[in-house]
Protein backbone atom coordinates (compact mmCIF):
# COMPACT_ATOMS: atom_id res chain seq x y z
CA MET A 1 51.25 5.09 5.32
CA GLU A 2 49.69 4.18 8.68
CA LYS A 3 46.66 2.70 6.89
CA THR A 4 48.94 0.45 4.77
CA LYS A 5 50.70 -0.85 7.90
CA THR A 6 47.35 -1.62 9.54
CA ILE A 7 46.12 -3.49 6.47
CA ALA A 8 49.38 -5.46 6.22
CA LEU A 9 49.20 -6.36 9.91
CA ASN A 10 45.59 -7.46 9.58
CA VAL A 11 46.44 -9.62 6.55
CA ALA A 12 49.41 -11.20 8.37
CA VAL A 13 47.37 -11.93 11.50
CA THR A 14 44.53 -13.40 9.44
CA ALA A 15 46.95 -15.59 7.48
CA LEU A 16 48.62 -16.79 10.69
CA ILE A 17 45.29 -17.62 12.32
CA SER A 18 44.18 -19.46 9.17
CA LEU A 19 47.36 -21.54 9.09
CA LEU A 20 47.02 -22.39 12.78
CA LEU A 21 43.40 -23.47 12.26
CA ILE A 22 44.35 -25.66 9.31
CA TRP A 23 47.25 -27.20 11.25
CA GLY A 24 45.05 -27.79 14.31
CA THR A 25 42.25 -29.38 12.31
CA THR A 26 44.67 -31.64 10.46
CA TRP A 27 46.38 -32.65 13.71
CA TYR A 28 43.00 -33.43 15.30
CA ARG A 29 41.96 -35.57 12.32
CA GLN A 30 45.33 -37.33 12.41
CA THR A 31 44.79 -38.12 16.10
CA ILE A 32 41.35 -39.57 15.39
CA GLN A 33 42.64 -41.77 12.55
CA PHE A 34 45.56 -42.99 14.63
CA ALA A 35 43.15 -43.92 17.44
CA ARG A 36 41.05 -45.85 14.92
CA GLY A 37 44.15 -47.76 13.86
CA GLU A 38 44.96 -48.54 17.48
CA ALA A 39 41.40 -49.73 18.17
CA ALA A 40 41.38 -51.94 15.09
CA GLN A 41 44.74 -53.43 15.98
CA ALA A 42 43.57 -54.14 19.54
CA ALA A 43 40.52 -55.89 18.07
CA GLY A 44 42.69 -58.02 15.79
CA ASP A 45 41.46 -56.27 12.64
CA THR A 46 44.65 -56.07 10.59
CA ILE A 47 43.12 -54.37 7.56
CA GLY A 48 41.31 -51.86 9.79
CA ALA A 49 44.57 -51.11 11.59
CA ILE A 50 46.37 -50.58 8.29
CA ALA A 51 43.59 -48.25 7.13
CA GLY A 52 43.68 -46.22 10.35
CA TYR A 53 47.44 -45.78 10.40
CA GLU A 54 47.50 -45.05 6.68
CA ALA A 55 44.82 -42.37 7.10
CA ALA A 56 46.78 -40.88 10.01
CA LEU A 57 49.80 -40.55 7.75
CA HIS A 58 47.66 -38.96 5.06
CA MET A 59 46.80 -36.32 7.68
CA TYR A 60 50.52 -35.48 7.86
CA THR A 61 51.02 -32.64 10.29
CA PRO A 62 54.46 -31.03 10.50
CA GLY A 63 55.87 -31.47 13.98
CA SER A 64 53.41 -34.17 15.03
CA PRO A 65 54.92 -37.26 16.68
CA LEU A 66 52.05 -39.28 15.19
CA ASN A 67 53.72 -39.12 11.78
CA GLU A 68 56.53 -41.39 12.89
CA GLN A 69 54.32 -43.41 15.23
CA ALA A 70 51.84 -44.25 12.47
CA ALA A 71 54.73 -45.20 10.16
CA ALA A 72 56.27 -47.42 12.83
CA LYS A 73 52.90 -49.08 13.48
CA LEU A 74 52.39 -49.80 9.78
CA TRP A 75 55.89 -51.26 9.59
CA ALA A 76 55.19 -53.42 12.66
CA VAL A 77 51.94 -54.69 11.12
CA GLY A 78 53.85 -55.61 7.95
CA GLU A 79 56.52 -57.44 9.95
CA ALA A 80 53.91 -59.30 12.01
CA MET A 81 52.07 -60.42 8.88
CA GLU A 82 55.34 -61.45 7.30
CA LYS A 83 56.31 -63.54 10.37
CA SER A 84 52.90 -65.20 10.39
CA GLY A 85 53.36 -66.19 6.73
CA ASP A 86 50.77 -63.77 5.35
CA ALA A 87 52.84 -62.10 2.64
CA ASP A 88 49.78 -60.59 0.96
CA ARG A 89 48.80 -58.58 4.04
CA ALA A 90 52.43 -57.71 4.71
CA LEU A 91 52.60 -56.24 1.21
CA ILE A 92 49.40 -54.29 1.85
CA ALA A 93 50.96 -52.75 4.98
CA TYR A 94 54.29 -51.92 3.36
CA ARG A 95 52.64 -50.49 0.25
CA ALA A 96 50.25 -48.42 2.38
CA LEU A 97 53.20 -47.03 4.31
CA ARG A 98 55.14 -46.16 1.17
CA SER A 99 52.19 -44.61 -0.66
CA SER A 100 51.20 -42.57 2.39
CA TRP A 101 54.57 -40.85 2.43
CA TYR A 102 54.37 -40.21 -1.30
CA ALA A 103 50.89 -38.74 -0.82
CA VAL A 104 52.10 -36.04 1.57
CA ARG A 105 54.79 -34.71 -0.72
CA TRP A 106 54.66 -30.99 -1.29
CA LEU A 107 57.74 -28.77 -1.21
CA THR A 108 59.74 -31.56 0.41
CA GLN A 109 59.41 -35.33 0.59
CA PRO A 110 59.01 -36.41 4.20
CA GLY A 111 59.60 -40.04 5.08
CA GLU A 112 62.31 -40.74 2.50
CA GLU A 113 63.91 -43.33 4.81
CA TRP A 114 60.57 -45.14 5.18
CA ILE A 115 60.05 -45.13 1.42
CA ALA A 116 63.50 -46.68 0.85
CA ARG A 117 62.89 -49.34 3.52
CA CYS A 118 59.51 -50.17 2.01
CA ASP A 119 60.93 -50.39 -1.50
CA ARG A 120 63.49 -52.95 -0.32
CA LYS A 121 60.95 -54.97 1.69
CA ILE A 122 58.35 -54.96 -1.10
CA ALA A 123 60.95 -56.12 -3.62
CA GLU A 124 61.99 -58.97 -1.29
CA LEU A 125 58.41 -60.12 -0.73
CA VAL A 126 57.43 -59.91 -4.39
CA GLN A 127 60.53 -61.86 -5.37
CA ALA A 128 59.81 -64.49 -2.70
CA GLN A 129 56.20 -64.79 -3.89
CA GLY A 130 57.42 -65.25 -7.45
CA GLN A 131 59.76 -68.03 -6.38
CA THR A 132 57.00 -69.71 -4.38
CA ASN A 133 54.63 -69.53 -7.34
CA ARG A 134 57.24 -71.15 -9.64
CA LYS A 135 57.79 -73.98 -7.17
CA THR A 136 54.08 -74.77 -6.96
CA GLN A 137 53.60 -74.89 -10.74
């Protein structure tokens, strides 16, 4: 009986250490990708910023504040592109944000509010592009 308890404890400790290592590695990679997005944005590289923030979201780490920060940054990039009249890049940002949340789905779907916001914004932009295309024809 004592041997079974020791084995169970060893298995539990090993599993806990493994989960902590996976979480830590994912959090570290998320931090690196977020920093790349920040550097690209500071350099005026919109597509690079989108890629960095999108990759940070793909490294979704439960409990990390970077999840929401990366989402907010992607949204802000989309809004900035929209205000500057670049609907194509705005769509890239909004679609990257939406697909990133879908990509991290597992037992639950994090980011449901972001997905709904993106769906509405993408529909608006696509409709506006369609109207613009009809006017120019």
